Amino acid sequence: EQGWVEWGWGLIPDLNDLKVAYDRFFHQILP
């Protein structure tokens, strides 16, 4: 999560799909 918030991953438009996948996996699927 630190990477998405502080390391700039979230600022790259091409990574939007992977950010959605990150949220879905770690907040829903894996739990």
PDB file of all heavy atoms in Angstrom:
ATOM      1  N   GLU A   1       0.840  -1.203   0.000  1.00  0.00           N
ATOM      2  CA  GLU A   1       0.000   0.000   0.000  1.00  0.00           C
ATOM      3  C   GLU A   1       0.871   1.247   0.000  1.00  0.00           C
ATOM      4  O   GLU A   1       0.541   2.262  -0.627  1.00  0.00           O
ATOM      5  CB  GLU A   1      -0.921  -0.011   1.225  1.00  0.00           C
ATOM      6  CG  GLU A   1      -1.883   1.159   1.259  1.00  0.00           C
ATOM      7  CD  GLU A   1      -2.972   0.981   2.292  1.00  0.00           C
ATOM      8  OE1 GLU A   1      -3.412  -0.174   2.507  1.00  0.00           O
ATOM      9  OE2 GLU A   1      -3.377   1.989   2.886  1.00  0.00           O
ATOM     10  N   GLN A   2       2.008   1.166   0.686  1.00  0.00           N
ATOM     11  CA  GLN A   2       2.947   2.299   0.713  1.00  0.00           C
ATOM     12  C   GLN A   2       3.408   2.640  -0.704  1.00  0.00           C
ATOM     13  O   GLN A   2       3.602   3.811  -1.042  1.00  0.00           O
ATOM     14  CB  GLN A   2       4.145   1.950   1.601  1.00  0.00           C
ATOM     15  CG  GLN A   2       5.086   3.113   1.856  1.00  0.00           C
ATOM     16  CD  GLN A   2       6.168   2.758   2.862  1.00  0.00           C
ATOM     17  OE1 GLN A   2       6.232   1.641   3.366  1.00  0.00           O
ATOM     18  NE2 GLN A   2       7.033   3.707   3.142  1.00  0.00           N
ATOM     19  N   GLY A   3       3.594   1.634  -1.532  1.00  0.00           N
ATOM     20  CA  GLY A   3       4.012   1.874  -2.906  1.00  0.00           C
ATOM     21  C   GLY A   3       2.979   2.663  -3.690  1.00  0.00           C
ATOM     22  O   GLY A   3       3.320   3.576  -4.453  1.00  0.00           O
ATOM     23  N   TRP A   4       1.696   2.285  -3.508  1.00  0.00           N
ATOM     24  CA  TRP A   4       0.641   2.994  -4.229  1.00  0.00           C
ATOM     25  C   TRP A   4       0.471   4.420  -3.710  1.00  0.00           C
ATOM     26  O   TRP A   4       0.135   5.328  -4.462  1.00  0.00           O
ATOM     27  CB  TRP A   4      -0.670   2.228  -4.108  1.00  0.00           C
ATOM     28  CG  TRP A   4      -0.683   0.942  -4.878  1.00  0.00           C
ATOM     29  CD1 TRP A   4      -0.620  -0.321  -4.370  1.00  0.00           C
ATOM     30  CD2 TRP A   4      -0.745   0.788  -6.293  1.00  0.00           C
ATOM     31  NE1 TRP A   4      -0.633  -1.254  -5.385  1.00  0.00           N
ATOM     32  CE2 TRP A   4      -0.720  -0.602  -6.576  1.00  0.00           C
ATOM     33  CE3 TRP A   4      -0.825   1.684  -7.359  1.00  0.00           C
ATOM     34  CZ2 TRP A   4      -0.768  -1.115  -7.860  1.00  0.00           C
ATOM     35  CZ3 TRP A   4      -0.877   1.183  -8.649  1.00  0.00           C
ATOM     36  CH2 TRP A   4      -0.854  -0.205  -8.906  1.00  0.00           C
ATOM     37  N   VAL A   5       0.719   4.626  -2.405  1.00  0.00           N
ATOM     38  CA  VAL A   5       0.471   5.938  -1.797  1.00  0.00           C
ATOM     39  C   VAL A   5       1.690   6.857  -1.882  1.00  0.00           C
ATOM     40  O   VAL A   5       1.566   8.051  -2.160  1.00  0.00           O
ATOM     41  CB  VAL A   5       0.032   5.763  -0.324  1.00  0.00           C
ATOM     42  CG1 VAL A   5      -0.089   7.112   0.372  1.00  0.00           C
ATOM     43  CG2 VAL A   5      -1.282   5.000  -0.255  1.00  0.00           C
ATOM     44  N   GLU A   6       2.895   6.306  -1.650  1.00  0.00           N
ATOM     45  CA  GLU A   6       4.073   7.147  -1.460  1.00  0.00           C
ATOM     46  C   GLU A   6       5.152   6.996  -2.530  1.00  0.00           C
ATOM     47  O   GLU A   6       6.032   7.859  -2.632  1.00  0.00           O
ATOM     48  CB  GLU A   6       4.707   6.865  -0.090  1.00  0.00           C
ATOM     49  CG  GLU A   6       3.798   7.208   1.089  1.00  0.00           C
ATOM     50  CD  GLU A   6       4.465   6.945   2.424  1.00  0.00           C
ATOM     51  OE1 GLU A   6       5.624   6.463   2.429  1.00  0.00           O
ATOM     52  OE2 GLU A   6       3.821   7.206   3.463  1.00  0.00           O
ATOM     53  N   TRP A   7       5.148   5.911  -3.286  1.00  0.00           N
ATOM     54  CA  TRP A   7       6.237   5.673  -4.220  1.00  0.00           C
ATOM     55  C   TRP A   7       5.860   6.006  -5.669  1.00  0.00           C
ATOM     56  O   TRP A   7       6.614   5.689  -6.587  1.00  0.00           O
ATOM     57  CB  TRP A   7       6.713   4.223  -4.130  1.00  0.00           C
ATOM     58  CG  TRP A   7       7.236   3.855  -2.757  1.00  0.00           C
ATOM     59  CD1 TRP A   7       7.727   4.713  -1.815  1.00  0.00           C
ATOM     60  CD2 TRP A   7       7.310   2.544  -2.203  1.00  0.00           C
ATOM     61  NE1 TRP A   7       8.098   4.011  -0.696  1.00  0.00           N
ATOM     62  CE2 TRP A   7       7.857   2.674  -0.902  1.00  0.00           C
ATOM     63  CE3 TRP A   7       6.976   1.271  -2.658  1.00  0.00           C
ATOM     64  CZ2 TRP A   7       8.065   1.595  -0.057  1.00  0.00           C
ATOM     65  CZ3 TRP A   7       7.187   0.188  -1.822  1.00  0.00           C
ATOM     66  CH2 TRP A   7       7.726   0.346  -0.537  1.00  0.00           C
ATOM     67  N   GLY A   8       4.688   6.569  -5.864  1.00  0.00           N
ATOM     68  CA  GLY A   8       4.320   7.054  -7.177  1.00  0.00           C
ATOM     69  C   GLY A   8       3.612   6.082  -8.087  1.00  0.00           C
ATOM     70  O   GLY A   8       3.255   6.449  -9.216  1.00  0.00           O
ATOM     71  N   TRP A   9       3.373   4.850  -7.669  1.00  0.00           N
ATOM     72  CA  TRP A   9       2.688   3.908  -8.549  1.00  0.00           C
ATOM     73  C   TRP A   9       1.309   4.431  -8.942  1.00  0.00           C
ATOM     74  O   TRP A   9       0.879   4.280 -10.084  1.00  0.00           O
ATOM     75  CB  TRP A   9       2.531   2.542  -7.878  1.00  0.00           C
ATOM     76  CG  TRP A   9       3.799   1.887  -7.440  1.00  0.00           C
ATOM     77  CD1 TRP A   9       5.074   2.252  -7.764  1.00  0.00           C
ATOM     78  CD2 TRP A   9       3.909   0.745  -6.596  1.00  0.00           C
ATOM     79  NE1 TRP A   9       5.977   1.404  -7.167  1.00  0.00           N
ATOM     80  CE2 TRP A   9       5.295   0.469  -6.442  1.00  0.00           C
ATOM     81  CE3 TRP A   9       2.998  -0.076  -5.944  1.00  0.00           C
ATOM     82  CZ2 TRP A   9       5.769  -0.588  -5.668  1.00  0.00           C
ATOM     83  CZ3 TRP A   9       3.460  -1.136  -5.173  1.00  0.00           C
ATOM     84  CH2 TRP A   9       4.840  -1.386  -5.042  1.00  0.00           C
ATOM     85  N   GLY A  10       0.614   5.038  -7.968  1.00  0.00           N
ATOM     86  CA  GLY A  10      -0.749   5.484  -8.215  1.00  0.00           C
ATOM     87  C   GLY A  10      -0.858   6.651  -9.178  1.00  0.00           C
ATOM     88  O   GLY A  10      -1.958   6.985  -9.625  1.00  0.00           O
ATOM     89  N   LEU A  11       0.270   7.274  -9.514  1.00  0.00           N
ATOM     90  CA  LEU A  11       0.251   8.415 -10.420  1.00  0.00           C
ATOM     91  C   LEU A  11       0.418   8.019 -11.881  1.00  0.00           C
ATOM     92  O   LEU A  11       0.380   8.872 -12.764  1.00  0.00           O
ATOM     93  CB  LEU A  11       1.366   9.400 -10.033  1.00  0.00           C
ATOM     94  CG  LEU A  11       1.301   9.950  -8.597  1.00  0.00           C
ATOM     95  CD1 LEU A  11       2.498  10.846  -8.329  1.00  0.00           C
ATOM     96  CD2 LEU A  11      -0.004  10.693  -8.366  1.00  0.00           C
ATOM     97  N   ILE A  12       0.621   6.724 -12.135  1.00  0.00           N
ATOM     98  CA  ILE A  12       0.868   6.250 -13.499  1.00  0.00           C
ATOM     99  C   ILE A  12      -0.439   5.721 -14.087  1.00  0.00           C
ATOM    100  O   ILE A  12      -0.965   4.697 -13.622  1.00  0.00           O
ATOM    101  CB  ILE A  12       1.947   5.157 -13.504  1.00  0.00           C
ATOM    102  CG1 ILE A  12       3.246   5.673 -12.846  1.00  0.00           C
ATOM    103  CG2 ILE A  12       2.218   4.670 -14.926  1.00  0.00           C
ATOM    104  CD1 ILE A  12       4.308   4.613 -12.659  1.00  0.00           C
ATOM    105  N   PRO A  13      -1.021   6.402 -15.101  1.00  0.00           N
ATOM    106  CA  PRO A  13      -2.332   5.987 -15.638  1.00  0.00           C
ATOM    107  C   PRO A  13      -2.375   4.543 -16.109  1.00  0.00           C
ATOM    108  O   PRO A  13      -3.398   3.866 -15.964  1.00  0.00           O
ATOM    109  CB  PRO A  13      -2.558   6.974 -16.797  1.00  0.00           C
ATOM    110  CG  PRO A  13      -1.728   8.176 -16.452  1.00  0.00           C
ATOM    111  CD  PRO A  13      -0.517   7.629 -15.750  1.00  0.00           C
ATOM    112  N   ASP A  14      -1.261   4.040 -16.685  1.00  0.00           N
ATOM    113  CA  ASP A  14      -1.257   2.682 -17.222  1.00  0.00           C
ATOM    114  C   ASP A  14      -1.417   1.621 -16.129  1.00  0.00           C
ATOM    115  O   ASP A  14      -1.666   0.454 -16.430  1.00  0.00           O
ATOM    116  CB  ASP A  14       0.043   2.414 -17.979  1.00  0.00           C
ATOM    117  CG  ASP A  14       0.118   3.192 -19.281  1.00  0.00           C
ATOM    118  OD1 ASP A  14      -0.925   3.747 -19.699  1.00  0.00           O
ATOM    119  OD2 ASP A  14       1.208   3.260 -19.883  1.00  0.00           O
ATOM    120  N   LEU A  15      -1.260   2.015 -14.857  1.00  0.00           N
ATOM    121  CA  LEU A  15      -1.339   1.053 -13.762  1.00  0.00           C
ATOM    122  C   LEU A  15      -2.703   1.039 -13.076  1.00  0.00           C
ATOM    123  O   LEU A  15      -2.879   0.357 -12.057  1.00  0.00           O
ATOM    124  CB  LEU A  15      -0.255   1.359 -12.715  1.00  0.00           C
ATOM    125  CG  LEU A  15       1.196   1.274 -13.196  1.00  0.00           C
ATOM    126  CD1 LEU A  15       2.154   1.531 -12.038  1.00  0.00           C
ATOM    127  CD2 LEU A  15       1.488  -0.086 -13.822  1.00  0.00           C
ATOM    128  N   ASN A  16      -3.666   1.788 -13.625  1.00  0.00           N
ATOM    129  CA  ASN A  16      -4.976   1.867 -12.963  1.00  0.00           C
ATOM    130  C   ASN A  16      -5.619   0.493 -12.784  1.00  0.00           C
ATOM    131  O   ASN A  16      -6.198   0.191 -11.735  1.00  0.00           O
ATOM    132  CB  ASN A  16      -5.913   2.791 -13.746  1.00  0.00           C
ATOM    133  CG  ASN A  16      -5.556   4.259 -13.577  1.00  0.00           C
ATOM    134  OD1 ASN A  16      -4.842   4.622 -12.649  1.00  0.00           O
ATOM    135  ND2 ASN A  16      -6.050   5.095 -14.492  1.00  0.00           N
ATOM    136  N   ASP A  17      -5.544  -0.350 -13.827  1.00  0.00           N
ATOM    137  CA  ASP A  17      -6.151  -1.683 -13.729  1.00  0.00           C
ATOM    138  C   ASP A  17      -5.489  -2.510 -12.633  1.00  0.00           C
ATOM    139  O   ASP A  17      -6.168  -3.264 -11.917  1.00  0.00           O
ATOM    140  CB  ASP A  17      -6.048  -2.409 -15.069  1.00  0.00           C
ATOM    141  CG  ASP A  17      -6.973  -1.818 -16.120  1.00  0.00           C
ATOM    142  OD1 ASP A  17      -7.854  -1.017 -15.745  1.00  0.00           O
ATOM    143  OD2 ASP A  17      -6.806  -2.157 -17.307  1.00  0.00           O
ATOM    144  N   LEU A  18      -4.179  -2.376 -12.492  1.00  0.00           N
ATOM    145  CA  LEU A  18      -3.473  -3.133 -11.464  1.00  0.00           C
ATOM    146  C   LEU A  18      -3.766  -2.590 -10.064  1.00  0.00           C
ATOM    147  O   LEU A  18      -3.740  -3.337  -9.090  1.00  0.00           O
ATOM    148  CB  LEU A  18      -1.975  -3.133 -11.745  1.00  0.00           C
ATOM    149  CG  LEU A  18      -1.559  -4.028 -12.915  1.00  0.00           C
ATOM    150  CD1 LEU A  18      -0.135  -3.743 -13.348  1.00  0.00           C
ATOM    151  CD2 LEU A  18      -1.714  -5.499 -12.549  1.00  0.00           C
ATOM    152  N   LYS A  19      -4.032  -1.288  -9.954  1.00  0.00           N
ATOM    153  CA  LYS A  19      -4.443  -0.742  -8.664  1.00  0.00           C
ATOM    154  C   LYS A  19      -5.809  -1.287  -8.256  1.00  0.00           C
ATOM    155  O   LYS A  19      -6.030  -1.651  -7.095  1.00  0.00           O
ATOM    156  CB  LYS A  19      -4.490   0.786  -8.731  1.00  0.00           C
ATOM    157  CG  LYS A  19      -5.005   1.455  -7.447  1.00  0.00           C
ATOM    158  CD  LYS A  19      -4.119   1.147  -6.243  1.00  0.00           C
ATOM    159  CE  LYS A  19      -4.422   2.067  -5.058  1.00  0.00           C
ATOM    160  NZ  LYS A  19      -5.775   1.881  -4.510  1.00  0.00           N
ATOM    161  N   VAL A  20      -6.730  -1.370  -9.203  1.00  0.00           N
ATOM    162  CA  VAL A  20      -8.041  -1.963  -8.932  1.00  0.00           C
ATOM    163  C   VAL A  20      -7.879  -3.425  -8.507  1.00  0.00           C
ATOM    164  O   VAL A  20      -8.519  -3.892  -7.556  1.00  0.00           O
ATOM    165  CB  VAL A  20      -8.958  -1.845 -10.169  1.00  0.00           C
ATOM    166  CG1 VAL A  20     -10.238  -2.662  -9.974  1.00  0.00           C
ATOM    167  CG2 VAL A  20      -9.292  -0.387 -10.444  1.00  0.00           C
ATOM    168  N   ALA A  21      -7.009  -4.157  -9.217  1.00  0.00           N
ATOM    169  CA  ALA A  21      -6.773  -5.561  -8.883  1.00  0.00           C
ATOM    170  C   ALA A  21      -6.144  -5.696  -7.495  1.00  0.00           C
ATOM    171  O   ALA A  21      -6.479  -6.616  -6.740  1.00  0.00           O
ATOM    172  CB  ALA A  21      -5.878  -6.209  -9.938  1.00  0.00           C
ATOM    173  N   TYR A  22      -5.217  -4.782  -7.161  1.00  0.00           N
ATOM    174  CA  TYR A  22      -4.609  -4.783  -5.822  1.00  0.00           C
ATOM    175  C   TYR A  22      -5.682  -4.630  -4.753  1.00  0.00           C
ATOM    176  O   TYR A  22      -5.739  -5.400  -3.788  1.00  0.00           O
ATOM    177  CB  TYR A  22      -3.590  -3.646  -5.702  1.00  0.00           C
ATOM    178  CG  TYR A  22      -3.190  -3.361  -4.267  1.00  0.00           C
ATOM    179  CD1 TYR A  22      -2.148  -4.056  -3.676  1.00  0.00           C
ATOM    180  CD2 TYR A  22      -3.883  -2.428  -3.502  1.00  0.00           C
ATOM    181  CE1 TYR A  22      -1.799  -3.819  -2.352  1.00  0.00           C
ATOM    182  CE2 TYR A  22      -3.552  -2.195  -2.178  1.00  0.00           C
ATOM    183  CZ  TYR A  22      -2.505  -2.890  -1.605  1.00  0.00           C
ATOM    184  OH  TYR A  22      -2.178  -2.664  -0.290  1.00  0.00           O
ATOM    185  N   ASP A  23      -6.531  -3.611  -4.893  1.00  0.00           N
ATOM    186  CA  ASP A  23      -7.575  -3.366  -3.893  1.00  0.00           C
ATOM    187  C   ASP A  23      -8.501  -4.570  -3.750  1.00  0.00           C
ATOM    188  O   ASP A  23      -8.829  -4.993  -2.635  1.00  0.00           O
ATOM    189  CB  ASP A  23      -8.392  -2.128  -4.267  1.00  0.00           C
ATOM    190  CG  ASP A  23      -7.633  -0.835  -4.027  1.00  0.00           C
ATOM    191  OD1 ASP A  23      -6.779  -0.814  -3.119  1.00  0.00           O
ATOM    192  OD2 ASP A  23      -7.894   0.155  -4.742  1.00  0.00           O
ATOM    193  N   ARG A  24      -8.934  -5.103  -4.872  1.00  0.00           N
ATOM    194  CA  ARG A  24      -9.877  -6.234  -4.829  1.00  0.00           C
ATOM    195  C   ARG A  24      -9.229  -7.452  -4.181  1.00  0.00           C
ATOM    196  O   ARG A  24      -9.851  -8.148  -3.361  1.00  0.00           O
ATOM    197  CB  ARG A  24     -10.355  -6.555  -6.246  1.00  0.00           C
ATOM    198  CG  ARG A  24     -11.407  -7.665  -6.289  1.00  0.00           C
ATOM    199  CD  ARG A  24     -12.007  -7.833  -7.672  1.00  0.00           C
ATOM    200  NE  ARG A  24     -10.989  -8.194  -8.650  1.00  0.00           N
ATOM    201  CZ  ARG A  24     -10.614  -7.404  -9.660  1.00  0.00           C
ATOM    202  NH1 ARG A  24     -11.159  -6.204  -9.805  1.00  0.00           N
ATOM    203  NH2 ARG A  24      -9.701  -7.801 -10.522  1.00  0.00           N
ATOM    204  N   PHE A  25      -7.954  -7.711  -4.518  1.00  0.00           N
ATOM    205  CA  PHE A  25      -7.305  -8.924  -4.003  1.00  0.00           C
ATOM    206  C   PHE A  25      -7.056  -8.829  -2.503  1.00  0.00           C
ATOM    207  O   PHE A  25      -7.426  -9.730  -1.744  1.00  0.00           O
ATOM    208  CB  PHE A  25      -5.986  -9.176  -4.746  1.00  0.00           C
ATOM    209  CG  PHE A  25      -5.278 -10.419  -4.275  1.00  0.00           C
ATOM    210  CD1 PHE A  25      -5.704 -11.671  -4.685  1.00  0.00           C
ATOM    211  CD2 PHE A  25      -4.195 -10.334  -3.413  1.00  0.00           C
ATOM    212  CE1 PHE A  25      -5.068 -12.824  -4.240  1.00  0.00           C
ATOM    213  CE2 PHE A  25      -3.545 -11.479  -2.964  1.00  0.00           C
ATOM    214  CZ  PHE A  25      -3.990 -12.723  -3.379  1.00  0.00           C
ATOM    215  N   PHE A  26      -6.420  -7.751  -2.044  1.00  0.00           N
ATOM    216  CA  PHE A  26      -5.995  -7.701  -0.644  1.00  0.00           C
ATOM    217  C   PHE A  26      -7.103  -7.284   0.317  1.00  0.00           C
ATOM    218  O   PHE A  26      -6.983  -7.533   1.522  1.00  0.00           O
ATOM    219  CB  PHE A  26      -4.775  -6.788  -0.499  1.00  0.00           C
ATOM    220  CG  PHE A  26      -3.523  -7.413  -1.033  1.00  0.00           C
ATOM    221  CD1 PHE A  26      -2.970  -6.978  -2.227  1.00  0.00           C
ATOM    222  CD2 PHE A  26      -2.907  -8.462  -0.371  1.00  0.00           C
ATOM    223  CE1 PHE A  26      -1.819  -7.557  -2.736  1.00  0.00           C
ATOM    224  CE2 PHE A  26      -1.766  -9.057  -0.876  1.00  0.00           C
ATOM    225  CZ  PHE A  26      -1.220  -8.607  -2.054  1.00  0.00           C
ATOM    226  N   HIS A  27      -8.167  -6.667  -0.194  1.00  0.00           N
ATOM    227  CA  HIS A  27      -9.245  -6.252   0.697  1.00  0.00           C
ATOM    228  C   HIS A  27     -10.474  -7.146   0.604  1.00  0.00           C
ATOM    229  O   HIS A  27     -11.346  -7.061   1.472  1.00  0.00           O
ATOM    230  CB  HIS A  27      -9.630  -4.800   0.414  1.00  0.00           C
ATOM    231  CG  HIS A  27      -8.508  -3.834   0.662  1.00  0.00           C
ATOM    232  ND1 HIS A  27      -8.240  -2.761  -0.162  1.00  0.00           N
ATOM    233  CD2 HIS A  27      -7.561  -3.788   1.641  1.00  0.00           C
ATOM    234  CE1 HIS A  27      -7.181  -2.098   0.298  1.00  0.00           C
ATOM    235  NE2 HIS A  27      -6.760  -2.703   1.379  1.00  0.00           N
ATOM    236  N   GLN A  28     -10.547  -8.003  -0.413  1.00  0.00           N
ATOM    237  CA  GLN A  28     -11.717  -8.870  -0.566  1.00  0.00           C
ATOM    238  C   GLN A  28     -11.328 -10.332  -0.787  1.00  0.00           C
ATOM    239  O   GLN A  28     -11.673 -11.200   0.020  1.00  0.00           O
ATOM    240  CB  GLN A  28     -12.581  -8.386  -1.736  1.00  0.00           C
ATOM    241  CG  GLN A  28     -13.131  -6.981  -1.567  1.00  0.00           C
ATOM    242  CD  GLN A  28     -13.823  -6.479  -2.821  1.00  0.00           C
ATOM    243  OE1 GLN A  28     -14.333  -7.251  -3.637  1.00  0.00           O
ATOM    244  NE2 GLN A  28     -13.834  -5.166  -3.000  1.00  0.00           N
ATOM    245  N   ILE A  29     -10.601 -10.603  -1.874  1.00  0.00           N
ATOM    246  CA  ILE A  29     -10.376 -11.994  -2.277  1.00  0.00           C
ATOM    247  C   ILE A  29      -9.521 -12.747  -1.253  1.00  0.00           C
ATOM    248  O   ILE A  29      -9.923 -13.813  -0.760  1.00  0.00           O
ATOM    249  CB  ILE A  29      -9.715 -12.044  -3.672  1.00  0.00           C
ATOM    250  CG1 ILE A  29     -10.663 -11.462  -4.720  1.00  0.00           C
ATOM    251  CG2 ILE A  29      -9.332 -13.474  -4.036  1.00  0.00           C
ATOM    252  CD1 ILE A  29     -10.035 -11.308  -6.101  1.00  0.00           C
ATOM    253  N   LEU A  30      -8.347 -12.218  -0.936  1.00  0.00           N
ATOM    254  CA  LEU A  30      -7.452 -12.920  -0.010  1.00  0.00           C
ATOM    255  C   LEU A  30      -8.069 -13.067   1.385  1.00  0.00           C
ATOM    256  O   LEU A  30      -7.998 -14.163   1.968  1.00  0.00           O
ATOM    257  CB  LEU A  30      -6.098 -12.203   0.050  1.00  0.00           C
ATOM    258  CG  LEU A  30      -5.030 -12.828   0.953  1.00  0.00           C
ATOM    259  CD1 LEU A  30      -4.756 -14.275   0.572  1.00  0.00           C
ATOM    260  CD2 LEU A  30      -3.739 -12.016   0.899  1.00  0.00           C
ATOM    261  N   PRO A  31      -8.695 -12.028   1.977  1.00  0.00           N
ATOM    262  CA  PRO A  31      -9.353 -12.238   3.271  1.00  0.00           C
ATOM    263  C   PRO A  31     -10.441 -13.314   3.222  1.00  0.00           C
ATOM    264  O   PRO A  31     -10.602 -14.075   4.178  1.00  0.00           O
ATOM    265  CB  PRO A  31      -9.941 -10.858   3.590  1.00  0.00           C
ATOM    266  CG  PRO A  31      -9.090  -9.892   2.848  1.00  0.00           C
ATOM    267  CD  PRO A  31      -8.714 -10.603   1.579  1.00  0.00           C
TER     268      PRO A  31
END
